[in-house]
Amino acid sequence: MFKNRAQLLFLILGAFFLTNALVAQFIGAKIFSLEQTLGFEALNLTLFSVEDLGFNLTAGVLLWPVVFVMTDIINEYYGVKGVKLLTYLAIGLIIYAFAMVFFAINLSPNNWWDSISGLRDEPSDSILSMNLAFRRIFGQGLWIIMGSLIAFFVGQVLDVSIFHKIRQWTGEEKIWLRATGSTIVSQLVDSFVVLMIAFYIGADWDLVRVLAIGCVNFCYKVFMAVLLTPIIYLAHNFIDKFLGRETAEHLKNEAAI
């Protein structure tokens, strides 16, 4: 089926990249408290005169750092063309997925499923309308979808460009610098673009609130980018062994062109 291990590896990396990008879009509807999840008291930060700020993040941020790490790994072995192909595929699949979800939202619900299947023995566990719950969870606003897609595309373009610029300066050395550096810069733009489009343009948020929340989100993403850096080295070692040293070096040399 596959002519060589390089093709098989691209398929595996691509499938993991696309799955993470797609799932991140849908779980992003949930806002969670990072501090309380880790068992700490919620922070009470003040930025730009905006009070009561903490690490209240969309669940999608759990996967987006992984997506950008995957971008750097794919970039290392398959170059700009490989990353662009997967980015365009991801955007197309996300648009398709949301179109199917909106179609499903507008289907007329079965009365039993809507009003009875969500009930439990305890009143506190009852869901009075399964259809309403379905709409609320999956029916993300158009501005949020647009903001997320545009931020994803811009972030990917920046990540690829900066990665190759740093690689031209450092050669094969300092993998951590080109991987982490490109991710931090791309995530800086991503953090603010999505909020500006979704909530400043698409809603009624003040600019200072958008900037304050964007700074909090960016701090989390920088922390995750640094935390995931050892994973990049482990992935490189595994891929080099899987492909063989000669094939791996050949791919990296072609990717650098």
C-alpha atoms as a PDB file:
ATOM      1  CA  MET A   1       0.000   0.000   0.000  1.00  0.00           C
ATOM      2  CA  PHE A   2       2.800   2.413   0.900  1.00  0.00           C
ATOM      3  CA  LYS A   3       5.981   2.607  -1.164  1.00  0.00           C
ATOM      4  CA  ASN A   4       8.128   3.484   1.835  1.00  0.00           C
ATOM      5  CA  ARG A   5       8.065   4.455   5.483  1.00  0.00           C
ATOM      6  CA  ALA A   6       8.216   8.166   4.667  1.00  0.00           C
ATOM      7  CA  GLN A   7       4.773   7.998   3.069  1.00  0.00           C
ATOM      8  CA  LEU A   8       3.380   5.991   5.983  1.00  0.00           C
ATOM      9  CA  LEU A   9       4.818   8.487   8.459  1.00  0.00           C
ATOM     10  CA  PHE A  10       3.243  11.436   6.623  1.00  0.00           C
ATOM     11  CA  LEU A  11      -0.129   9.682   6.728  1.00  0.00           C
ATOM     12  CA  ILE A  12       0.155   9.033  10.479  1.00  0.00           C
ATOM     13  CA  LEU A  13       1.334  12.559  11.293  1.00  0.00           C
ATOM     14  CA  GLY A  14      -1.282  14.068   8.992  1.00  0.00           C
ATOM     15  CA  ALA A  15      -4.109  12.029  10.519  1.00  0.00           C
ATOM     16  CA  PHE A  16      -3.069  13.038  14.038  1.00  0.00           C
ATOM     17  CA  PHE A  17      -2.746  16.701  12.971  1.00  0.00           C
ATOM     18  CA  LEU A  18      -6.186  16.789  11.309  1.00  0.00           C
ATOM     19  CA  THR A  19      -7.900  14.953  14.168  1.00  0.00           C
ATOM     20  CA  ASN A  20      -6.509  17.337  16.784  1.00  0.00           C
ATOM     21  CA  ALA A  21      -7.414  20.419  14.730  1.00  0.00           C
ATOM     22  CA  LEU A  22     -10.988  19.183  14.212  1.00  0.00           C
ATOM     23  CA  VAL A  23     -11.604  18.027  17.790  1.00  0.00           C
ATOM     24  CA  ALA A  24     -10.178  21.292  19.190  1.00  0.00           C
ATOM     25  CA  GLN A  25     -12.866  23.228  17.334  1.00  0.00           C
ATOM     26  CA  PHE A  26     -15.722  21.312  18.942  1.00  0.00           C
ATOM     27  CA  ILE A  27     -14.457  20.983  22.501  1.00  0.00           C
ATOM     28  CA  GLY A  28     -13.666  24.705  22.390  1.00  0.00           C
ATOM     29  CA  ALA A  29     -17.306  25.369  23.282  1.00  0.00           C
ATOM     30  CA  LYS A  30     -16.479  24.549  26.921  1.00  0.00           C
ATOM     31  CA  ILE A  31     -14.814  27.120  29.176  1.00  0.00           C
ATOM     32  CA  PHE A  32     -12.882  25.642  32.099  1.00  0.00           C
ATOM     33  CA  SER A  33     -10.889  26.949  35.028  1.00  0.00           C
ATOM     34  CA  LEU A  34      -7.292  25.776  34.807  1.00  0.00           C
ATOM     35  CA  GLU A  35      -6.581  26.642  38.442  1.00  0.00           C
ATOM     36  CA  GLN A  36      -9.572  24.777  39.843  1.00  0.00           C
ATOM     37  CA  THR A  37      -8.907  21.803  37.558  1.00  0.00           C
ATOM     38  CA  LEU A  38      -5.432  21.566  39.087  1.00  0.00           C
ATOM     39  CA  GLY A  39      -6.870  21.958  42.601  1.00  0.00           C
ATOM     40  CA  PHE A  40      -5.868  25.590  43.234  1.00  0.00           C
ATOM     41  CA  GLU A  41      -7.861  28.675  44.115  1.00  0.00           C
ATOM     42  CA  ALA A  42      -8.843  30.728  41.085  1.00  0.00           C
ATOM     43  CA  LEU A  43      -6.496  33.662  40.462  1.00  0.00           C
ATOM     44  CA  ASN A  44      -7.772  37.223  40.650  1.00  0.00           C
ATOM     45  CA  LEU A  45      -5.596  39.128  38.200  1.00  0.00           C
ATOM     46  CA  THR A  46      -6.031  42.675  36.919  1.00  0.00           C
ATOM     47  CA  LEU A  47      -4.746  43.694  33.479  1.00  0.00           C
ATOM     48  CA  PHE A  48      -5.538  46.945  31.660  1.00  0.00           C
ATOM     49  CA  SER A  49      -7.974  47.769  34.499  1.00  0.00           C
ATOM     50  CA  VAL A  50      -9.920  44.555  33.787  1.00  0.00           C
ATOM     51  CA  GLU A  51     -10.457  42.719  37.078  1.00  0.00           C
ATOM     52  CA  ASP A  52     -11.189  39.119  38.087  1.00  0.00           C
ATOM     53  CA  LEU A  53      -9.026  37.630  35.367  1.00  0.00           C
ATOM     54  CA  GLY A  54      -7.804  34.070  35.691  1.00  0.00           C
ATOM     55  CA  PHE A  55      -6.897  31.124  33.521  1.00  0.00           C
ATOM     56  CA  ASN A  56     -10.441  30.535  32.298  1.00  0.00           C
ATOM     57  CA  LEU A  57      -9.726  28.906  28.952  1.00  0.00           C
ATOM     58  CA  THR A  58     -11.590  27.140  26.189  1.00  0.00           C
ATOM     59  CA  ALA A  59     -11.069  23.385  26.244  1.00  0.00           C
ATOM     60  CA  GLY A  60      -9.636  23.755  22.739  1.00  0.00           C
ATOM     61  CA  VAL A  61      -6.390  25.131  24.163  1.00  0.00           C
ATOM     62  CA  LEU A  62      -5.611  21.620  25.397  1.00  0.00           C
ATOM     63  CA  LEU A  63      -5.096  20.515  21.796  1.00  0.00           C
ATOM     64  CA  TRP A  64      -3.938  23.614  19.907  1.00  0.00           C
ATOM     65  CA  PRO A  65      -0.388  23.487  21.358  1.00  0.00           C
ATOM     66  CA  VAL A  66      -0.232  19.874  20.165  1.00  0.00           C
ATOM     67  CA  VAL A  67      -1.338  20.999  16.686  1.00  0.00           C
ATOM     68  CA  PHE A  68       1.461  23.549  16.503  1.00  0.00           C
ATOM     69  CA  VAL A  69       4.043  21.048  17.762  1.00  0.00           C
ATOM     70  CA  MET A  70       2.830  18.652  15.072  1.00  0.00           C
ATOM     71  CA  THR A  71       3.212  21.499  12.569  1.00  0.00           C
ATOM     72  CA  ASP A  72       6.882  21.887  13.518  1.00  0.00           C
ATOM     73  CA  ILE A  73       7.561  18.149  13.268  1.00  0.00           C
ATOM     74  CA  ILE A  74       5.877  17.901   9.859  1.00  0.00           C
ATOM     75  CA  ASN A  75       7.709  21.060   8.777  1.00  0.00           C
ATOM     76  CA  GLU A  76      11.029  19.518   9.789  1.00  0.00           C
ATOM     77  CA  TYR A  77      10.602  16.427   7.607  1.00  0.00           C
ATOM     78  CA  TYR A  78       8.150  17.437   4.854  1.00  0.00           C
ATOM     79  CA  GLY A  79       8.664  21.183   4.521  1.00  0.00           C
ATOM     80  CA  VAL A  80       6.299  24.013   3.669  1.00  0.00           C
ATOM     81  CA  LYS A  81       4.357  22.016   1.078  1.00  0.00           C
ATOM     82  CA  GLY A  82       3.498  19.283   3.569  1.00  0.00           C
ATOM     83  CA  VAL A  83       2.296  21.761   6.208  1.00  0.00           C
ATOM     84  CA  LYS A  84       0.276  23.803   3.709  1.00  0.00           C
ATOM     85  CA  LEU A  85      -1.431  20.694   2.346  1.00  0.00           C
ATOM     86  CA  LEU A  86      -2.513  19.612   5.824  1.00  0.00           C
ATOM     87  CA  THR A  87      -3.545  23.159   6.782  1.00  0.00           C
ATOM     88  CA  TYR A  88      -5.823  23.487   3.746  1.00  0.00           C
ATOM     89  CA  LEU A  89      -7.242  20.018   4.421  1.00  0.00           C
ATOM     90  CA  ALA A  90      -7.878  20.930   8.072  1.00  0.00           C
ATOM     91  CA  ILE A  91      -9.701  24.145   7.164  1.00  0.00           C
ATOM     92  CA  GLY A  92     -11.806  22.337   4.548  1.00  0.00           C
ATOM     93  CA  LEU A  93     -12.701  19.529   6.956  1.00  0.00           C
ATOM     94  CA  ILE A  94     -13.575  21.970   9.753  1.00  0.00           C
ATOM     95  CA  ILE A  95     -15.892  23.936   7.451  1.00  0.00           C
ATOM     96  CA  TYR A  96     -17.479  20.687   6.272  1.00  0.00           C
ATOM     97  CA  ALA A  97     -17.890  19.448   9.851  1.00  0.00           C
ATOM     98  CA  PHE A  98     -19.585  22.647  11.007  1.00  0.00           C
ATOM     99  CA  ALA A  99     -21.892  22.603   7.970  1.00  0.00           C
ATOM    100  CA  MET A 100     -22.993  19.071   8.885  1.00  0.00           C
ATOM    101  CA  VAL A 101     -23.451  20.081  12.522  1.00  0.00           C
ATOM    102  CA  PHE A 102     -25.633  23.052  11.593  1.00  0.00           C
ATOM    103  CA  PHE A 103     -27.672  20.754   9.372  1.00  0.00           C
ATOM    104  CA  ALA A 104     -28.104  18.347  12.299  1.00  0.00           C
ATOM    105  CA  ILE A 105     -29.079  21.201  14.625  1.00  0.00           C
ATOM    106  CA  ASN A 106     -31.973  22.149  12.357  1.00  0.00           C
ATOM    107  CA  LEU A 107     -33.405  18.622  12.196  1.00  0.00           C
ATOM    108  CA  SER A 108     -36.704  18.278  14.065  1.00  0.00           C
ATOM    109  CA  PRO A 109     -36.049  16.391  17.338  1.00  0.00           C
ATOM    110  CA  ASN A 110     -37.911  13.256  18.345  1.00  0.00           C
ATOM    111  CA  ASN A 111     -40.223  14.121  21.265  1.00  0.00           C
ATOM    112  CA  TRP A 112     -39.124  11.184  23.432  1.00  0.00           C
ATOM    113  CA  TRP A 113     -35.436  11.923  22.947  1.00  0.00           C
ATOM    114  CA  ASP A 114     -35.902  15.643  23.578  1.00  0.00           C
ATOM    115  CA  SER A 115     -38.039  15.547  26.707  1.00  0.00           C
ATOM    116  CA  ILE A 116     -37.561  12.144  28.342  1.00  0.00           C
ATOM    117  CA  SER A 117     -34.181  10.624  27.465  1.00  0.00           C
ATOM    118  CA  GLY A 118     -32.319  13.408  29.253  1.00  0.00           C
ATOM    119  CA  LEU A 119     -34.090  12.854  32.593  1.00  0.00           C
ATOM    120  CA  ARG A 120     -32.431  11.116  35.516  1.00  0.00           C
ATOM    121  CA  ASP A 121     -33.601   9.962  38.933  1.00  0.00           C
ATOM    122  CA  GLU A 122     -32.105  13.026  40.599  1.00  0.00           C
ATOM    123  CA  PRO A 123     -33.608  16.417  39.602  1.00  0.00           C
ATOM    124  CA  SER A 124     -30.150  17.992  39.654  1.00  0.00           C
ATOM    125  CA  ASP A 125     -29.092  15.635  36.862  1.00  0.00           C
ATOM    126  CA  SER A 126     -32.113  16.316  34.653  1.00  0.00           C
ATOM    127  CA  ILE A 127     -31.796  17.790  31.168  1.00  0.00           C
ATOM    128  CA  LEU A 128     -35.176  19.283  30.350  1.00  0.00           C
ATOM    129  CA  SER A 129     -34.437  19.555  26.635  1.00  0.00           C
ATOM    130  CA  MET A 130     -31.822  17.401  24.947  1.00  0.00           C
ATOM    131  CA  ASN A 131     -32.313  19.347  21.727  1.00  0.00           C
ATOM    132  CA  LEU A 132     -31.570  22.650  23.456  1.00  0.00           C
ATOM    133  CA  ALA A 133     -28.460  21.132  25.044  1.00  0.00           C
ATOM    134  CA  PHE A 134     -27.357  19.845  21.629  1.00  0.00           C
ATOM    135  CA  ARG A 135     -27.848  23.310  20.081  1.00  0.00           C
ATOM    136  CA  ARG A 136     -26.002  25.067  22.894  1.00  0.00           C
ATOM    137  CA  ILE A 137     -23.003  22.737  22.807  1.00  0.00           C
ATOM    138  CA  PHE A 138     -22.531  22.367  19.064  1.00  0.00           C
ATOM    139  CA  GLY A 139     -24.082  25.598  17.782  1.00  0.00           C
ATOM    140  CA  GLN A 140     -21.089  27.882  18.064  1.00  0.00           C
ATOM    141  CA  GLY A 141     -21.598  31.365  16.649  1.00  0.00           C
ATOM    142  CA  LEU A 142     -20.508  32.206  13.122  1.00  0.00           C
ATOM    143  CA  TRP A 143     -18.073  34.855  14.353  1.00  0.00           C
ATOM    144  CA  ILE A 144     -16.379  32.365  16.676  1.00  0.00           C
ATOM    145  CA  ILE A 145     -15.976  29.876  13.836  1.00  0.00           C
ATOM    146  CA  MET A 146     -14.642  32.556  11.481  1.00  0.00           C
ATOM    147  CA  GLY A 147     -12.261  33.885  14.124  1.00  0.00           C
ATOM    148  CA  SER A 148     -10.951  30.430  14.925  1.00  0.00           C
ATOM    149  CA  LEU A 149     -10.412  29.481  11.275  1.00  0.00           C
ATOM    150  CA  ILE A 150      -8.692  32.758  10.363  1.00  0.00           C
ATOM    151  CA  ALA A 151      -6.502  32.612  13.470  1.00  0.00           C
ATOM    152  CA  PHE A 152      -5.588  28.991  12.667  1.00  0.00           C
ATOM    153  CA  PHE A 153      -4.629  29.847   9.081  1.00  0.00           C
ATOM    154  CA  VAL A 154      -2.603  32.943  10.008  1.00  0.00           C
ATOM    155  CA  GLY A 155      -0.920  31.088  12.851  1.00  0.00           C
ATOM    156  CA  GLN A 156       0.077  28.220  10.569  1.00  0.00           C
ATOM    157  CA  VAL A 157       1.513  30.556   7.929  1.00  0.00           C
ATOM    158  CA  LEU A 158       3.544  32.408  10.564  1.00  0.00           C
ATOM    159  CA  ASP A 159       4.716  29.182  12.206  1.00  0.00           C
ATOM    160  CA  VAL A 160       6.007  27.777   8.914  1.00  0.00           C
ATOM    161  CA  SER A 161       7.727  31.015   7.861  1.00  0.00           C
ATOM    162  CA  ILE A 162       9.446  31.673  11.189  1.00  0.00           C
ATOM    163  CA  PHE A 163      10.461  28.020  11.541  1.00  0.00           C
ATOM    164  CA  HIS A 164      12.320  28.147   8.213  1.00  0.00           C
ATOM    165  CA  LYS A 165      13.897  31.532   8.952  1.00  0.00           C
ATOM    166  CA  ILE A 166      15.357  30.245  12.211  1.00  0.00           C
ATOM    167  CA  ARG A 167      16.459  27.041  10.501  1.00  0.00           C
ATOM    168  CA  GLN A 168      18.364  29.059   7.901  1.00  0.00           C
ATOM    169  CA  TRP A 169      20.249  30.793  10.719  1.00  0.00           C
ATOM    170  CA  THR A 170      20.950  27.755  12.880  1.00  0.00           C
ATOM    171  CA  GLY A 171      21.130  24.887  10.398  1.00  0.00           C
ATOM    172  CA  GLU A 172      20.340  21.476  11.860  1.00  0.00           C
ATOM    173  CA  GLU A 173      21.198  22.568  15.382  1.00  0.00           C
ATOM    174  CA  LYS A 174      18.929  24.105  18.046  1.00  0.00           C
ATOM    175  CA  ILE A 175      15.716  22.282  17.242  1.00  0.00           C
ATOM    176  CA  TRP A 176      14.217  23.786  20.411  1.00  0.00           C
ATOM    177  CA  LEU A 177      14.786  27.329  19.155  1.00  0.00           C
ATOM    178  CA  ARG A 178      13.031  26.989  15.802  1.00  0.00           C
ATOM    179  CA  ALA A 179      10.232  24.807  17.184  1.00  0.00           C
ATOM    180  CA  THR A 180       9.480  26.786  20.348  1.00  0.00           C
ATOM    181  CA  GLY A 181      10.264  30.184  18.818  1.00  0.00           C
ATOM    182  CA  SER A 182       7.961  29.709  15.832  1.00  0.00           C
ATOM    183  CA  THR A 183       5.182  28.344  18.056  1.00  0.00           C
ATOM    184  CA  ILE A 184       5.379  31.256  20.523  1.00  0.00           C
ATOM    185  CA  VAL A 185       5.195  33.908  17.792  1.00  0.00           C
ATOM    186  CA  SER A 186       2.372  32.168  15.916  1.00  0.00           C
ATOM    187  CA  GLN A 187       0.428  31.643  19.160  1.00  0.00           C
ATOM    188  CA  LEU A 188       0.838  35.316  20.053  1.00  0.00           C
ATOM    189  CA  VAL A 189      -0.987  36.280  16.873  1.00  0.00           C
ATOM    190  CA  ASP A 190      -3.472  33.400  17.174  1.00  0.00           C
ATOM    191  CA  SER A 191      -4.449  34.385  20.738  1.00  0.00           C
ATOM    192  CA  PHE A 192      -5.498  37.900  19.752  1.00  0.00           C
ATOM    193  CA  VAL A 193      -6.857  37.328  16.234  1.00  0.00           C
ATOM    194  CA  VAL A 194      -9.509  34.855  17.362  1.00  0.00           C
ATOM    195  CA  LEU A 195     -10.667  37.127  20.199  1.00  0.00           C
ATOM    196  CA  MET A 196     -10.684  40.255  18.029  1.00  0.00           C
ATOM    197  CA  ILE A 197     -12.835  38.641  15.345  1.00  0.00           C
ATOM    198  CA  ALA A 198     -15.108  36.569  17.575  1.00  0.00           C
ATOM    199  CA  PHE A 199     -15.733  38.982  20.432  1.00  0.00           C
ATOM    200  CA  TYR A 200     -14.585  42.501  19.480  1.00  0.00           C
ATOM    201  CA  ILE A 201     -15.967  42.558  15.936  1.00  0.00           C
ATOM    202  CA  GLY A 202     -18.613  39.850  16.344  1.00  0.00           C
ATOM    203  CA  ALA A 203     -19.818  40.761  19.842  1.00  0.00           C
ATOM    204  CA  ASP A 204     -19.784  43.752  22.207  1.00  0.00           C
ATOM    205  CA  TRP A 205     -16.575  43.181  24.166  1.00  0.00           C
ATOM    206  CA  ASP A 206     -14.405  46.200  24.978  1.00  0.00           C
ATOM    207  CA  LEU A 207     -10.982  46.280  23.374  1.00  0.00           C
ATOM    208  CA  VAL A 208      -9.224  46.328  26.759  1.00  0.00           C
ATOM    209  CA  ARG A 209     -11.066  43.167  27.827  1.00  0.00           C
ATOM    210  CA  VAL A 210     -10.066  41.419  24.602  1.00  0.00           C
ATOM    211  CA  LEU A 211      -6.430  42.444  25.132  1.00  0.00           C
ATOM    212  CA  ALA A 212      -6.455  41.376  28.789  1.00  0.00           C
ATOM    213  CA  ILE A 213      -7.947  37.936  28.092  1.00  0.00           C
ATOM    214  CA  GLY A 214      -5.635  37.535  25.092  1.00  0.00           C
ATOM    215  CA  CYS A 215      -2.609  38.138  27.338  1.00  0.00           C
ATOM    216  CA  VAL A 216      -3.785  35.497  29.831  1.00  0.00           C
ATOM    217  CA  ASN A 217      -4.373  32.985  27.034  1.00  0.00           C
ATOM    218  CA  PHE A 218      -0.971  33.738  25.518  1.00  0.00           C
ATOM    219  CA  CYS A 219       0.798  33.166  28.856  1.00  0.00           C
ATOM    220  CA  TYR A 220      -0.743  29.699  29.030  1.00  0.00           C
ATOM    221  CA  LYS A 221       0.282  28.918  25.443  1.00  0.00           C
ATOM    222  CA  VAL A 222       3.885  30.044  26.052  1.00  0.00           C
ATOM    223  CA  PHE A 223       4.047  27.801  29.111  1.00  0.00           C
ATOM    224  CA  MET A 224       2.717  24.857  27.108  1.00  0.00           C
ATOM    225  CA  ALA A 225       5.113  25.528  24.206  1.00  0.00           C
ATOM    226  CA  VAL A 226       8.086  25.362  26.587  1.00  0.00           C
ATOM    227  CA  LEU A 227       6.656  22.347  28.426  1.00  0.00           C
ATOM    228  CA  LEU A 228       6.210  20.396  25.181  1.00  0.00           C
ATOM    229  CA  THR A 229       9.732  21.109  23.886  1.00  0.00           C
ATOM    230  CA  PRO A 230      11.180  17.790  25.186  1.00  0.00           C
ATOM    231  CA  ILE A 231       8.390  15.980  23.309  1.00  0.00           C
ATOM    232  CA  ILE A 232       9.770  17.418  20.067  1.00  0.00           C
ATOM    233  CA  TYR A 233      13.189  15.887  20.751  1.00  0.00           C
ATOM    234  CA  LEU A 234      11.621  12.535  21.620  1.00  0.00           C
ATOM    235  CA  ALA A 235       9.574  12.670  18.411  1.00  0.00           C
ATOM    236  CA  HIS A 236      12.676  13.443  16.346  1.00  0.00           C
ATOM    237  CA  ASN A 237      14.585  10.527  17.829  1.00  0.00           C
ATOM    238  CA  PHE A 238      11.688   8.158  17.255  1.00  0.00           C
ATOM    239  CA  ILE A 239      11.157   9.323  13.647  1.00  0.00           C
ATOM    240  CA  ASP A 240      14.876   9.092  12.833  1.00  0.00           C
ATOM    241  CA  LYS A 241      14.907   5.492  14.073  1.00  0.00           C
ATOM    242  CA  PHE A 242      11.647   4.661  12.292  1.00  0.00           C
ATOM    243  CA  LEU A 243      12.815   6.061   8.946  1.00  0.00           C
ATOM    244  CA  GLY A 244      16.474   5.210   9.264  1.00  0.00           C
ATOM    245  CA  ARG A 245      19.187   7.844   9.589  1.00  0.00           C
ATOM    246  CA  GLU A 246      19.821   8.145   5.846  1.00  0.00           C
ATOM    247  CA  THR A 247      16.152   8.563   4.866  1.00  0.00           C
ATOM    248  CA  ALA A 248      15.516  10.995   7.729  1.00  0.00           C
ATOM    249  CA  GLU A 249      18.448  13.202   6.730  1.00  0.00           C
ATOM    250  CA  HIS A 250      17.334  13.131   3.106  1.00  0.00           C
ATOM    251  CA  LEU A 251      13.817  14.280   4.047  1.00  0.00           C
ATOM    252  CA  LYS A 252      15.113  17.045   6.306  1.00  0.00           C
ATOM    253  CA  ASN A 253      17.497  18.317   3.632  1.00  0.00           C
ATOM    254  CA  GLU A 254      14.690  18.451   1.066  1.00  0.00           C
ATOM    255  CA  ALA A 255      12.343  20.108   3.551  1.00  0.00           C
ATOM    256  CA  ALA A 256      14.875  22.846   4.222  1.00  0.00           C
ATOM    257  CA  ILE A 257      14.984  23.922   0.554  1.00  0.00           C
END
